[in-house]
């Protein structure tokens, strides 16, 4: 499902990724772990088409992500993959409900189906009582769960998450991890998560470690 070959990325002349290669099978739940500054988030953004590598190639669901641009890339990222960023990136002028609805509206999903999906996601993630609120009225953990709901609303084939439990207490962390495990098991969604949490990594089917921009044994 995901194939990254010989990925290099530098910032201001400082190497971040140094010839990293990675394979992720369809339906796999992969955790990527490593120290801060090891290149984890950069790798996630390159796999999701958010950043372009200096060198190397990335294919996701058969598409050459590095070759996509403009409308084609936007559609790919809206329909084939879902991304949850560490900073959430919710639209501040939309309520939580409208943030979740947005990709479905763009995809012209029928209104009744949109309502059903939003309701099911809100219940699964424990955010039903806050759908009318705007991002600034939500805690970090609540924003994180809204961001997860938005990312999976369109039933993406691949889901990328950067520290999906980083802002959550133990109860809601368990809720989110159970939700992701079910998504992977029941729907076959391929999941790649960046995490520092051993508990989160334990839910995945495989864990890899990055050190100094490369995968290490």
Protein backbone atom coordinates (compact mmCIF):
# COMPACT_ATOMS: atom_id res chain seq x y z
CA UNK A 1 0.00 0.00 0.00
CA UNK A 2 2.90 2.37 0.80
CA UNK A 3 6.34 2.26 -0.78
CA UNK A 4 8.98 4.88 0.02
CA UNK A 5 12.40 4.50 -1.58
CA UNK A 6 15.64 6.29 -0.72
CA UNK A 7 14.01 9.39 0.78
CA UNK A 8 16.24 12.38 1.51
CA UNK A 9 15.08 15.65 3.07
CA UNK A 10 17.08 18.56 4.46
CA UNK A 11 16.15 21.88 6.06
CA UNK A 12 18.53 24.81 5.66
CA UNK A 13 21.30 22.42 4.76
CA UNK A 14 20.72 20.19 7.79
CA UNK A 15 19.84 16.58 6.86
CA UNK A 16 16.57 15.30 8.32
CA UNK A 17 15.93 12.08 6.37
CA UNK A 18 18.98 10.25 4.99
CA UNK A 19 18.04 7.69 2.36
CA UNK A 20 15.10 6.22 4.27
CA UNK A 21 13.10 3.40 2.70
CA UNK A 22 9.87 1.91 4.03
CA UNK A 23 7.20 -0.59 3.01
CA UNK A 24 3.71 -0.78 4.52
CA UNK A 25 1.39 -3.58 3.47
CA UNK A 26 -2.30 -3.07 2.75
CA UNK A 27 -4.29 -3.39 5.97
CA UNK A 28 -1.22 -3.01 8.18
CA UNK A 29 -1.21 -0.90 11.36
CA UNK A 30 2.31 0.54 11.64
CA UNK A 31 3.77 2.58 14.48
CA UNK A 32 6.82 4.78 13.88
CA UNK A 33 8.81 5.66 16.99
CA UNK A 34 11.94 7.69 17.63
CA UNK A 35 13.41 10.57 19.57
CA UNK A 36 12.36 14.17 18.91
CA UNK A 37 14.14 15.45 15.81
CA UNK A 38 14.65 11.99 14.36
CA UNK A 39 12.55 12.78 11.27
CA UNK A 40 9.28 11.04 12.17
CA UNK A 41 6.90 13.90 11.41
CA UNK A 42 8.76 14.82 8.22
CA UNK A 43 8.45 11.22 7.04
CA UNK A 44 4.70 11.24 7.75
CA UNK A 45 4.19 14.48 5.83
CA UNK A 46 6.17 13.18 2.84
CA UNK A 47 4.17 9.95 2.77
CA UNK A 48 0.95 11.99 2.88
CA UNK A 49 2.05 14.31 0.08
CA UNK A 50 2.23 17.35 2.36
CA UNK A 51 5.97 17.77 1.77
CA UNK A 52 8.13 16.86 -1.20
CA UNK A 53 11.38 14.96 -0.62
CA UNK A 54 14.64 16.37 -1.96
CA UNK A 55 15.30 12.96 -3.45
CA UNK A 56 13.49 9.63 -3.59
CA UNK A 57 10.05 8.34 -4.50
CA UNK A 58 6.78 7.63 -2.69
CA UNK A 59 3.83 5.56 -3.88
CA UNK A 60 0.63 5.30 -1.90
CA UNK A 61 -2.26 3.11 -3.08
CA UNK A 62 -0.51 2.85 -6.44
CA UNK A 63 -0.15 6.62 -6.93
CA UNK A 64 3.17 8.42 -7.34
CA UNK A 65 2.52 10.98 -4.59
CA UNK A 66 5.48 13.15 -5.57
CA UNK A 67 4.10 13.54 -9.11
CA UNK A 68 0.65 14.73 -8.00
CA UNK A 69 -0.05 18.44 -7.80
CA UNK A 70 -2.87 20.92 -7.64
CA UNK A 71 -6.37 19.50 -7.86
CA UNK A 72 -5.20 15.91 -8.32
CA UNK A 73 -3.20 16.02 -5.08
CA UNK A 74 -6.03 17.75 -3.21
CA UNK A 75 -8.53 15.10 -4.35
CA UNK A 76 -6.13 12.27 -3.48
CA UNK A 77 -5.58 13.65 0.01
CA UNK A 78 -9.32 14.18 0.49
CA UNK A 79 -10.54 10.79 -0.70
CA UNK A 80 -7.77 8.17 -0.52
CA UNK A 81 -5.85 9.24 2.58
CA UNK A 82 -6.71 10.86 5.88
CA UNK A 83 -4.20 12.89 7.90
CA UNK A 84 -4.28 13.92 11.56
CA UNK A 85 -1.62 16.51 12.36
CA UNK A 86 -0.09 17.15 15.74
CA UNK A 87 -1.47 20.71 15.59
CA UNK A 88 -4.91 19.37 14.44
CA UNK A 89 -5.41 22.11 11.78
CA UNK A 90 -9.12 22.48 12.33
CA UNK A 91 -10.81 25.38 10.52
CA UNK A 92 -11.39 27.99 13.21
CA UNK A 93 -14.48 29.51 11.57
CA UNK A 94 -16.33 26.18 11.45
CA UNK A 95 -17.95 24.28 14.31
CA UNK A 96 -16.66 20.84 15.24
CA UNK A 97 -19.56 19.29 13.33
CA UNK A 98 -18.88 21.34 10.21
CA UNK A 99 -15.18 20.48 10.35
CA UNK A 100 -16.12 16.79 10.27
CA UNK A 101 -18.74 17.34 7.56
CA UNK A 102 -16.43 19.28 5.24
CA UNK A 103 -14.74 16.40 3.35
CA UNK A 104 -18.13 14.73 2.93
CA UNK A 105 -19.68 17.89 1.53
CA UNK A 106 -16.76 18.30 -0.87
CA UNK A 107 -17.30 14.70 -1.93
CA UNK A 108 -21.02 15.35 -2.49
CA UNK A 109 -22.10 12.65 -0.06
CA UNK A 110 -25.92 12.72 0.46
CA UNK A 111 -27.05 14.76 3.48
CA UNK A 112 -28.66 11.81 5.23
CA UNK A 113 -25.46 9.79 4.95
CA UNK A 114 -23.41 12.74 6.21
CA UNK A 115 -25.65 13.00 9.27
CA UNK A 116 -25.33 9.26 9.91
CA UNK A 117 -21.54 9.28 9.66
CA UNK A 118 -21.09 12.34 11.85
CA UNK A 119 -23.39 10.88 14.51
CA UNK A 120 -21.58 7.52 14.50
CA UNK A 121 -18.14 9.13 14.71
CA UNK A 122 -19.22 11.51 17.47
CA UNK A 123 -20.50 8.59 19.53
CA UNK A 124 -17.43 6.43 18.94
CA UNK A 125 -15.02 9.24 19.89
CA UNK A 126 -17.06 10.73 22.73
CA UNK A 127 -17.54 14.18 21.16
CA UNK A 128 -21.32 14.23 20.75
CA UNK A 129 -21.85 17.05 23.24
CA UNK A 130 -19.39 19.42 21.62
CA UNK A 131 -20.30 19.35 17.92
CA UNK A 132 -21.80 22.85 18.11
CA UNK A 133 -18.62 24.37 19.50
CA UNK A 134 -15.83 26.11 17.61
CA UNK A 135 -12.20 24.89 17.89
CA UNK A 136 -11.21 27.72 20.26
CA UNK A 137 -13.92 26.54 22.65
CA UNK A 138 -12.52 23.01 22.78
CA UNK A 139 -9.67 21.55 24.81
CA UNK A 140 -6.65 20.12 23.03
CA UNK A 141 -7.92 16.60 23.56
CA UNK A 142 -11.35 17.46 22.20
CA UNK A 143 -9.82 19.12 19.14
CA UNK A 144 -7.70 16.03 18.58
CA UNK A 145 -10.75 13.77 18.53
CA UNK A 146 -12.58 16.11 16.15
CA UNK A 147 -9.53 16.04 13.86
CA UNK A 148 -9.55 12.23 13.91
CA UNK A 149 -13.28 12.17 13.09
CA UNK A 150 -12.72 14.55 10.17
CA UNK A 151 -9.83 12.44 8.85
CA UNK A 152 -11.82 9.20 8.80
CA UNK A 153 -15.23 10.61 7.78
CA UNK A 154 -14.66 9.78 4.11
CA UNK A 155 -13.47 6.22 4.94
CA UNK A 156 -9.91 6.69 3.59
CA UNK A 157 -7.90 3.67 2.52
CA UNK A 158 -4.83 4.99 4.36
CA UNK A 159 -4.76 6.96 7.60
CA UNK A 160 -1.72 8.93 8.79
CA UNK A 161 -1.63 10.16 12.39
CA UNK A 162 0.99 12.27 14.18
CA UNK A 163 0.80 11.52 17.93
CA UNK A 164 -2.93 10.64 17.89
CA UNK A 165 -3.10 10.33 21.69
CA UNK A 166 -0.66 13.13 22.54
CA UNK A 167 -3.31 15.49 24.00
CA UNK A 168 -5.57 12.86 25.55
CA UNK A 169 -6.06 11.63 29.09
CA UNK A 170 -5.88 7.89 29.77
CA UNK A 171 -9.62 7.30 29.32
CA UNK A 172 -9.89 9.05 25.97
CA UNK A 173 -6.55 7.67 24.84
CA UNK A 174 -7.96 4.18 25.33
CA UNK A 175 -11.12 5.18 23.48
CA UNK A 176 -9.18 6.49 20.48
CA UNK A 177 -6.83 3.50 20.35
CA UNK A 178 -9.80 1.10 20.47
CA UNK A 179 -11.44 3.11 17.66
CA UNK A 180 -8.30 2.94 15.50
CA UNK A 181 -7.87 -0.77 16.14
CA UNK A 182 -11.46 -1.42 15.08
CA UNK A 183 -11.01 0.75 11.99
CA UNK A 184 -7.98 -1.30 11.02
CA UNK A 185 -9.55 -4.65 11.85
CA UNK A 186 -13.09 -4.16 10.57
CA UNK A 187 -12.54 -1.89 7.57
CA UNK A 188 -9.02 -2.92 6.65
CA UNK A 189 -7.79 0.68 6.83
CA UNK A 190 -4.02 0.92 6.52
CA UNK A 191 -2.77 3.03 9.43
CA UNK A 192 0.59 4.70 10.02
CA UNK A 193 0.96 6.47 13.35
CA UNK A 194 3.82 8.49 14.80
CA UNK A 195 3.91 7.95 18.54
CA UNK A 196 6.01 8.21 21.67
CA UNK A 197 3.48 6.07 23.54
CA UNK A 198 4.30 2.43 24.22
CA UNK A 199 0.58 1.85 24.84
CA UNK A 200 -0.31 3.23 21.41
CA UNK A 201 2.46 1.25 19.71
CA UNK A 202 1.22 -1.93 21.38
CA UNK A 203 -2.05 -1.62 19.45
CA UNK A 204 -0.26 -1.74 16.09
CA UNK A 205 0.78 -4.83 14.15
CA UNK A 206 4.37 -3.62 13.62
CA UNK A 207 6.68 -0.95 15.00
CA UNK A 208 9.71 0.61 13.34
CA UNK A 209 12.19 3.03 14.88
CA UNK A 210 13.83 6.05 13.29
CA UNK A 211 17.19 7.39 14.39
CA UNK A 212 19.00 10.25 12.67
CA UNK A 213 16.73 10.05 9.64
CA UNK A 214 16.92 6.32 8.91
CA UNK A 215 15.04 3.20 9.97
CA UNK A 216 17.08 1.22 12.51
CA UNK A 217 16.70 -2.42 13.63
